[in-house]
C-alpha atoms as a PDB file:
ATOM      1  CA  MET A   1     169.241  80.706  80.041  1.00  0.00           C
ATOM      2  CA  SER A   2     171.006  83.608  78.361  1.00  0.00           C
ATOM      3  CA  ASN A   3     170.500  85.328  75.035  1.00  0.00           C
ATOM      4  CA  PHE A   4     173.300  87.855  75.580  1.00  0.00           C
ATOM      5  CA  ALA A   5     176.254  88.136  73.243  1.00  0.00           C
ATOM      6  CA  PRO A   6     179.538  88.193  75.193  1.00  0.00           C
ATOM      7  CA  GLY A   7     180.287  91.817  74.286  1.00  0.00           C
ATOM      8  CA  LEU A   8     176.916  93.038  75.478  1.00  0.00           C
ATOM      9  CA  PHE A   9     177.218  90.896  78.614  1.00  0.00           C
ATOM     10  CA  ASP A  10     180.608  92.460  79.440  1.00  0.00           C
ATOM     11  CA  SER A  11     179.310  95.970  78.793  1.00  0.00           C
ATOM     12  CA  MET A  12     176.411  95.455  81.191  1.00  0.00           C
ATOM     13  CA  LEU A  13     178.730  94.134  83.913  1.00  0.00           C
ATOM     14  CA  THR A  14     180.935  97.205  83.534  1.00  0.00           C
ATOM     15  CA  TRP A  15     177.865  99.447  83.848  1.00  0.00           C
ATOM     16  CA  LEU A  16     176.696  97.569  86.936  1.00  0.00           C
ATOM     17  CA  ALA A  17     180.078  97.955  88.592  1.00  0.00           C
ATOM     18  CA  ALA A  18     179.691 101.723  88.237  1.00  0.00           C
ATOM     19  CA  ALA A  19     175.981 101.940  89.044  1.00  0.00           C
ATOM     20  CA  GLY A  20     176.024  99.569  92.018  1.00  0.00           C
ATOM     21  CA  HIS A  21     172.640  99.022  93.631  1.00  0.00           C
ATOM     22  CA  ALA A  22     171.338 102.562  93.281  1.00  0.00           C
ATOM     23  CA  LEU A  23     168.558 101.787  90.801  1.00  0.00           C
ATOM     24  CA  PRO A  24     166.435  98.807  89.808  1.00  0.00           C
ATOM     25  CA  GLN A  25     168.346  96.889  87.169  1.00  0.00           C
ATOM     26  CA  GLN A  26     168.191  94.157  84.583  1.00  0.00           C
ATOM     27  CA  CYS A  27     169.515  90.635  84.983  1.00  0.00           C
ATOM     28  CA  VAL A  28     173.009  90.468  83.449  1.00  0.00           C
ATOM     29  CA  LEU A  29     172.227  87.065  81.953  1.00  0.00           C
ATOM     30  CA  CYS A  30     168.837  87.500  80.284  1.00  0.00           C
ATOM     31  CA  ALA A  31     168.033  91.243  80.597  1.00  0.00           C
ATOM     32  CA  ALA A  32     164.790  90.577  82.494  1.00  0.00           C
ATOM     33  CA  ALA A  33     163.894  92.891  85.344  1.00  0.00           C
ATOM     34  CA  SER A  34     165.699  91.771  88.504  1.00  0.00           C
ATOM     35  CA  ARG A  35     164.894  94.635  90.911  1.00  0.00           C
ATOM     36  CA  HIS A  36     168.146  95.202  92.816  1.00  0.00           C
ATOM     37  CA  ALA A  37     169.677  91.764  92.123  1.00  0.00           C
ATOM     38  CA  LEU A  38     172.547  91.127  89.741  1.00  0.00           C
ATOM     39  CA  VAL A  39     170.898  87.938  88.428  1.00  0.00           C
ATOM     40  CA  CYS A  40     167.172  87.267  88.220  1.00  0.00           C
ATOM     41  CA  THR A  41     165.601  84.358  90.099  1.00  0.00           C
ATOM     42  CA  ARG A  42     165.049  82.308  86.954  1.00  0.00           C
ATOM     43  CA  CYS A  43     168.658  82.572  85.766  1.00  0.00           C
ATOM     44  CA  GLU A  44     170.039  82.003  89.249  1.00  0.00           C
ATOM     45  CA  SER A  45     168.126  78.716  89.497  1.00  0.00           C
ATOM     46  CA  ALA A  46     169.649  77.604  86.165  1.00  0.00           C
ATOM     47  CA  LEU A  47     173.311  78.278  87.028  1.00  0.00           C
ATOM     48  CA  PRO A  48     175.643  75.216  86.902  1.00  0.00           C
ATOM     49  CA  ARG A  49     175.682  74.348  90.590  1.00  0.00           C
ATOM     50  CA  LEU A  50     177.581  71.476  92.171  1.00  0.00           C
ATOM     51  CA  THR A  51     174.825  69.484  93.803  1.00  0.00           C
ATOM     52  CA  ARG A  52     176.756  66.303  94.636  1.00  0.00           C
ATOM     53  CA  ALA A  53     180.520  66.649  94.990  1.00  0.00           C
ATOM     54  CA  CYS A  54     183.451  64.923  96.660  1.00  0.00           C
ATOM     55  CA  ALA A  55     184.258  66.441 100.034  1.00  0.00           C
ATOM     56  CA  GLY A  56     187.949  66.137  99.219  1.00  0.00           C
ATOM     57  CA  CYS A  57     188.309  67.626  95.739  1.00  0.00           C
ATOM     58  CA  ALA A  58     184.847  69.140  95.072  1.00  0.00           C
ATOM     59  CA  LEU A  59     184.502  67.195  91.812  1.00  0.00           C
ATOM     60  CA  PRO A  60     181.140  65.563  91.049  1.00  0.00           C
ATOM     61  CA  VAL A  61     180.626  62.077  92.470  1.00  0.00           C
ATOM     62  CA  ALA A  62     177.914  59.571  91.640  1.00  0.00           C
ATOM     63  CA  THR A  63     177.904  57.840  95.019  1.00  0.00           C
ATOM     64  CA  GLY A  64     179.393  58.400  98.458  1.00  0.00           C
ATOM     65  CA  THR A  65     180.915  61.573  99.853  1.00  0.00           C
ATOM     66  CA  VAL A  66     184.594  61.087  98.908  1.00  0.00           C
ATOM     67  CA  CYS A  67     185.903  59.960  95.524  1.00  0.00           C
ATOM     68  CA  GLY A  68     188.357  57.099  95.067  1.00  0.00           C
ATOM     69  CA  LYS A  69     191.281  59.387  94.266  1.00  0.00           C
ATOM     70  CA  CYS A  70     190.844  61.357  97.484  1.00  0.00           C
ATOM     71  CA  LEU A  71     190.507  58.153  99.505  1.00  0.00           C
ATOM     72  CA  ALA A  72     193.797  56.924  98.033  1.00  0.00           C
ATOM     73  CA  ARG A  73     195.574  60.281  98.320  1.00  0.00           C
ATOM     74  CA  PRO A  74     193.794  62.675 100.688  1.00  0.00           C
ATOM     75  CA  PRO A  75     194.334  66.372  99.985  1.00  0.00           C
ATOM     76  CA  PRO A  76     196.025  68.561 102.630  1.00  0.00           C
ATOM     77  CA  TRP A  77     192.665  69.984 103.715  1.00  0.00           C
ATOM     78  CA  ASP A  78     189.746  68.431 105.581  1.00  0.00           C
ATOM     79  CA  CYS A  79     187.040  69.380 103.091  1.00  0.00           C
ATOM     80  CA  ALA A  80     186.479  71.408  99.943  1.00  0.00           C
ATOM     81  CA  ARG A  81     183.317  73.285  99.026  1.00  0.00           C
ATOM     82  CA  ALA A  82     182.415  74.862  95.698  1.00  0.00           C
ATOM     83  CA  ALA A  83     179.211  76.587  94.685  1.00  0.00           C
ATOM     84  CA  PHE A  84     179.397  76.181  90.894  1.00  0.00           C
ATOM     85  CA  VAL A  85     180.998  74.335  88.029  1.00  0.00           C
ATOM     86  CA  TYR A  86     183.407  76.711  86.300  1.00  0.00           C
ATOM     87  CA  GLY A  87     181.874  77.529  82.948  1.00  0.00           C
ATOM     88  CA  TYR A  88     179.563  79.988  81.227  1.00  0.00           C
ATOM     89  CA  PRO A  89     178.098  82.193  82.602  1.00  0.00           C
ATOM     90  CA  VAL A  90     179.783  81.836  86.025  1.00  0.00           C
ATOM     91  CA  ASP A  91     183.154  82.426  84.355  1.00  0.00           C
ATOM     92  CA  ARG A  92     181.909  85.789  83.072  1.00  0.00           C
ATOM     93  CA  LEU A  93     180.976  86.897  86.570  1.00  0.00           C
ATOM     94  CA  LEU A  94     184.356  85.826  87.947  1.00  0.00           C
ATOM     95  CA  LEU A  95     186.337  87.465  85.155  1.00  0.00           C
ATOM     96  CA  ALA A  96     184.383  90.694  85.543  1.00  0.00           C
ATOM     97  CA  LEU A  97     185.295  90.722  89.235  1.00  0.00           C
ATOM     98  CA  LYS A  98     188.922  89.724  88.712  1.00  0.00           C
ATOM     99  CA  TYR A  99     189.863  91.996  85.837  1.00  0.00           C
ATOM    100  CA  ARG A 100     187.346  94.845  85.901  1.00  0.00           C
ATOM    101  CA  GLY A 101     186.655  95.232  89.603  1.00  0.00           C
ATOM    102  CA  ALA A 102     182.914  94.530  89.290  1.00  0.00           C
ATOM    103  CA  LEU A 103     182.323  94.206  93.032  1.00  0.00           C
ATOM    104  CA  ALA A 104     178.610  93.554  92.515  1.00  0.00           C
ATOM    105  CA  CYS A 105     179.746  90.145  91.269  1.00  0.00           C
ATOM    106  CA  ALA A 106     181.624  89.522  94.527  1.00  0.00           C
ATOM    107  CA  ASP A 107     178.411  90.135  96.461  1.00  0.00           C
ATOM    108  CA  PHE A 108     176.438  87.665  94.379  1.00  0.00           C
ATOM    109  CA  LEU A 109     179.143  84.969  94.268  1.00  0.00           C
ATOM    110  CA  ALA A 110     179.882  85.154  97.992  1.00  0.00           C
ATOM    111  CA  VAL A 111     176.221  84.600  98.849  1.00  0.00           C
ATOM    112  CA  ALA A 112     176.159  81.547  96.559  1.00  0.00           C
ATOM    113  CA  LEU A 113     179.310  80.182  98.209  1.00  0.00           C
ATOM    114  CA  ALA A 114     177.956  80.762 101.712  1.00  0.00           C
ATOM    115  CA  ARG A 115     174.920  78.629 100.861  1.00  0.00           C
ATOM    116  CA  VAL A 116     177.029  75.475 100.337  1.00  0.00           C
ATOM    117  CA  ILE A 117     179.050  75.812 103.535  1.00  0.00           C
ATOM    118  CA  GLU A 118     178.229  73.171 106.121  1.00  0.00           C
ATOM    119  CA  ASP A 119     180.900  73.376 108.832  1.00  0.00           C
ATOM    120  CA  ILE A 120     181.650  76.840 110.182  1.00  0.00           C
ATOM    121  CA  PRO A 121     185.363  77.397 110.929  1.00  0.00           C
ATOM    122  CA  ASP A 122     186.946  79.684 113.509  1.00  0.00           C
ATOM    123  CA  ALA A 123     188.142  82.102 110.838  1.00  0.00           C
ATOM    124  CA  VAL A 124     188.385  82.733 107.103  1.00  0.00           C
ATOM    125  CA  VAL A 125     191.607  83.493 105.216  1.00  0.00           C
ATOM    126  CA  ALA A 126     191.800  84.755 101.636  1.00  0.00           C
ATOM    127  CA  LEU A 127     194.340  83.241  99.273  1.00  0.00           C
ATOM    128  CA  PRO A 128     196.850  86.082  98.878  1.00  0.00           C
ATOM    129  CA  LEU A 129     198.353  87.507  95.724  1.00  0.00           C
ATOM    130  CA  SER A 130     202.013  88.389  95.494  1.00  0.00           C
ATOM    131  CA  PRO A 131     202.694  92.059  96.396  1.00  0.00           C
ATOM    132  CA  SER A 132     203.603  92.879  92.789  1.00  0.00           C
ATOM    133  CA  ARG A 133     200.418  91.336  91.394  1.00  0.00           C
ATOM    134  CA  GLN A 134     198.329  93.020  94.088  1.00  0.00           C
ATOM    135  CA  ARG A 135     199.790  96.396  93.116  1.00  0.00           C
ATOM    136  CA  GLN A 136     199.243  95.719  89.432  1.00  0.00           C
ATOM    137  CA  ARG A 137     195.615  94.641  89.854  1.00  0.00           C
ATOM    138  CA  GLY A 138     194.777  97.047  92.659  1.00  0.00           C
ATOM    139  CA  PHE A 139     192.850  94.473  94.707  1.00  0.00           C
ATOM    140  CA  ASN A 140     192.603  90.739  95.376  1.00  0.00           C
ATOM    141  CA  GLN A 141     189.433  89.070  94.122  1.00  0.00           C
ATOM    142  CA  ALA A 142     189.787  86.272  96.701  1.00  0.00           C
ATOM    143  CA  GLN A 143     189.937  88.892  99.455  1.00  0.00           C
ATOM    144  CA  GLU A 144     186.743  90.527  98.205  1.00  0.00           C
ATOM    145  CA  ILE A 145     184.925  87.179  98.155  1.00  0.00           C
ATOM    146  CA  ALA A 146     186.377  86.117 101.522  1.00  0.00           C
ATOM    147  CA  ARG A 147     185.332  89.362 103.201  1.00  0.00           C
ATOM    148  CA  ARG A 148     181.746  88.835 102.159  1.00  0.00           C
ATOM    149  CA  VAL A 149     181.680  85.101 102.957  1.00  0.00           C
ATOM    150  CA  ALA A 150     183.125  85.756 106.410  1.00  0.00           C
ATOM    151  CA  ARG A 151     180.330  88.235 107.008  1.00  0.00           C
ATOM    152  CA  GLN A 152     177.744  85.682 105.876  1.00  0.00           C
ATOM    153  CA  ALA A 153     179.254  82.975 108.103  1.00  0.00           C
ATOM    154  CA  ARG A 154     179.704  85.424 110.998  1.00  0.00           C
ATOM    155  CA  VAL A 155     183.342  84.554 111.552  1.00  0.00           C
ATOM    156  CA  PRO A 156     186.412  86.805 111.444  1.00  0.00           C
ATOM    157  CA  LEU A 157     188.476  87.354 108.316  1.00  0.00           C
ATOM    158  CA  LEU A 158     192.144  86.984 109.231  1.00  0.00           C
ATOM    159  CA  ARG A 159     195.319  87.969 107.478  1.00  0.00           C
ATOM    160  CA  GLY A 160     196.669  84.480 107.967  1.00  0.00           C
ATOM    161  CA  LEU A 161     198.736  83.868 104.823  1.00  0.00           C
ATOM    162  CA  VAL A 162     201.376  85.785 102.924  1.00  0.00           C
ATOM    163  CA  ARG A 163     202.790  84.988  99.525  1.00  0.00           C
ATOM    164  CA  VAL A 164     206.560  85.142  99.878  1.00  0.00           C
ATOM    165  CA  ARG A 165     207.513  84.096  96.359  1.00  0.00           C
ATOM    166  CA  ASP A 166     206.183  85.503  93.129  1.00  0.00           C
ATOM    167  CA  SER A 167     205.774  83.060  90.274  1.00  0.00           C
ATOM    168  CA  PRO A 168     204.227  82.928  86.803  1.00  0.00           C
ATOM    169  CA  ALA A 169     200.455  82.831  86.687  1.00  0.00           C
ATOM    170  CA  GLN A 170     199.166  79.278  87.024  1.00  0.00           C
ATOM    171  CA  ALA A 171     196.896  79.650  84.004  1.00  0.00           C
ATOM    172  CA  SER A 172     199.967  80.118  81.794  1.00  0.00           C
ATOM    173  CA  LEU A 173     201.465  76.730  82.736  1.00  0.00           C
ATOM    174  CA  PRO A 174     200.685  73.119  81.814  1.00  0.00           C
ATOM    175  CA  TRP A 175     198.864  71.265  84.568  1.00  0.00           C
ATOM    176  CA  ALA A 176     201.914  69.142  85.451  1.00  0.00           C
ATOM    177  CA  GLN A 177     204.067  72.211  86.193  1.00  0.00           C
ATOM    178  CA  ARG A 178     201.652  74.055  88.442  1.00  0.00           C
ATOM    179  CA  GLN A 179     202.559  72.232  91.658  1.00  0.00           C
ATOM    180  CA  ARG A 180     206.275  72.984  91.242  1.00  0.00           C
ATOM    181  CA  ASN A 181     205.443  76.586  90.413  1.00  0.00           C
ATOM    182  CA  VAL A 182     203.857  77.315  93.822  1.00  0.00           C
ATOM    183  CA  ARG A 183     206.041  75.137  96.053  1.00  0.00           C
ATOM    184  CA  GLY A 184     207.140  77.236  99.025  1.00  0.00           C
ATOM    185  CA  ALA A 185     205.160  80.245  97.828  1.00  0.00           C
ATOM    186  CA  PHE A 186     203.121  80.726 101.045  1.00  0.00           C
ATOM    187  CA  VAL A 187     203.892  81.232 104.711  1.00  0.00           C
ATOM    188  CA  ALA A 188     201.262  81.202 107.450  1.00  0.00           C
ATOM    189  CA  LEU A 189     201.103  83.949 110.050  1.00  0.00           C
ATOM    190  CA  PRO A 190     200.731  83.255 113.803  1.00  0.00           C
ATOM    191  CA  ALA A 191     197.024  84.179 113.681  1.00  0.00           C
ATOM    192  CA  VAL A 192     196.107  80.738 112.248  1.00  0.00           C
ATOM    193  CA  ALA A 193     197.653  78.695 115.072  1.00  0.00           C
ATOM    194  CA  GLY A 194     195.139  76.570 116.967  1.00  0.00           C
ATOM    195  CA  LYS A 195     192.217  77.564 114.736  1.00  0.00           C
ATOM    196  CA  ARG A 196     190.042  75.849 112.145  1.00  0.00           C
ATOM    197  CA  ILE A 197     190.707  77.871 109.003  1.00  0.00           C
ATOM    198  CA  ALA A 198     188.790  78.132 105.721  1.00  0.00           C
ATOM    199  CA  ILE A 199     190.909  79.324 102.792  1.00  0.00           C
ATOM    200  CA  VAL A 200     188.854  81.199 100.187  1.00  0.00           C
ATOM    201  CA  ASP A 201     189.672  81.511  96.489  1.00  0.00           C
ATOM    202  CA  ASP A 202     187.718  82.110  93.315  1.00  0.00           C
ATOM    203  CA  VAL A 203     188.399  78.924  91.301  1.00  0.00           C
ATOM    204  CA  LEU A 204     189.814  75.461  92.047  1.00  0.00           C
ATOM    205  CA  THR A 205     191.430  73.933  88.959  1.00  0.00           C
ATOM    206  CA  THR A 206     194.341  71.565  89.544  1.00  0.00           C
ATOM    207  CA  GLY A 207     194.421  72.428  93.246  1.00  0.00           C
ATOM    208  CA  ALA A 208     198.168  73.102  93.196  1.00  0.00           C
ATOM    209  CA  THR A 209     197.947  76.633  94.603  1.00  0.00           C
ATOM    210  CA  LEU A 210     195.455  75.728  97.309  1.00  0.00           C
ATOM    211  CA  ARG A 211     197.494  72.642  98.232  1.00  0.00           C
ATOM    212  CA  ALA A 212     200.523  74.852  98.796  1.00  0.00           C
ATOM    213  CA  ALA A 213     198.453  77.317 100.838  1.00  0.00           C
ATOM    214  CA  ALA A 214     196.774  74.601 102.903  1.00  0.00           C
ATOM    215  CA  GLY A 215     200.142  73.003 103.617  1.00  0.00           C
ATOM    216  CA  ALA A 216     201.455  76.325 104.883  1.00  0.00           C
ATOM    217  CA  VAL A 217     198.426  76.779 107.144  1.00  0.00           C
ATOM    218  CA  ARG A 218     198.908  73.257 108.519  1.00  0.00           C
ATOM    219  CA  ARG A 219     202.560  73.983 109.247  1.00  0.00           C
ATOM    220  CA  GLY A 220     201.467  77.206 110.912  1.00  0.00           C
ATOM    221  CA  GLY A 221     199.619  75.206 113.549  1.00  0.00           C
ATOM    222  CA  ALA A 222     196.017  75.303 112.340  1.00  0.00           C
ATOM    223  CA  ARG A 223     193.974  72.462 113.782  1.00  0.00           C
ATOM    224  CA  GLY A 224     191.772  72.201 110.713  1.00  0.00           C
ATOM    225  CA  VAL A 225     191.776  73.456 107.133  1.00  0.00           C
ATOM    226  CA  ALA A 226     188.917  73.781 104.655  1.00  0.00           C
ATOM    227  CA  VAL A 227     188.936  75.121 101.107  1.00  0.00           C
ATOM    228  CA  TRP A 228     186.046  77.252  99.877  1.00  0.00           C
ATOM    229  CA  VAL A 229     185.863  78.298  96.214  1.00  0.00           C
ATOM    230  CA  VAL A 230     183.219  79.868  94.061  1.00  0.00           C
ATOM    231  CA  ALA A 231     183.723  77.467  91.177  1.00  0.00           C
ATOM    232  CA  ARG A 232     185.332  74.110  90.414  1.00  0.00           C
ATOM    233  CA  THR A 233     186.922  73.466  87.039  1.00  0.00           C
ATOM    234  CA  LEU A 234     186.072  70.031  85.714  1.00  0.00           C
ATOM    235  CA  PRO A 235     189.026  67.962  84.428  1.00  0.00           C
ATOM    236  CA  PRO A 236     189.493  67.717  80.653  1.00  0.00           C
ATOM    237  CA  THR A 237     187.684  64.827  79.026  1.00  0.00           C
END
């Protein structure tokens, strides 16, 4: 699918973030002409999509709609949707958005996420960063994706969650510690009460952060909670 070296791939994404959609461009994955699209049609069709996934955890399932683990211990949300498996080259697009502000990637990824949504909620809420991390990064990648997905779904984007406790980045912790790390980190705002809310984030890994956020939205009076993510990390094998 791609014959790009990682360095060249990253350089092209940086250029695209600056150039935007002003001129016809090349596909960032294979360098073929892609008109005004970030990814050409051929590469887009070959991306690692989740075609059959559990409605509870968004992990692949062979049969049924809910896996055995989610039947035994349902998550604190009603359903989870993910567009892709987290891996190359989707990870490159997400990292370019998250750390280099390549907003062209947010456009592409939000459209892909919108395509897997089945039930339309009353409103969309982005998973918030802590104020210190927001200042450091300058923007919230989940907010950028959520804004575009809300537009695609034609529902409002609410400021429905705040992060009240800063904590170490989840990626720096062993899987077993992540749930303790985000316990009590989120508080829902009154805007979520009585509504069916979709919480948007970039990646679902252990689910600890989104569990904490969904629990806060439930306690805030939401009558339904969904989780929408661009990509789902597969468990280690």
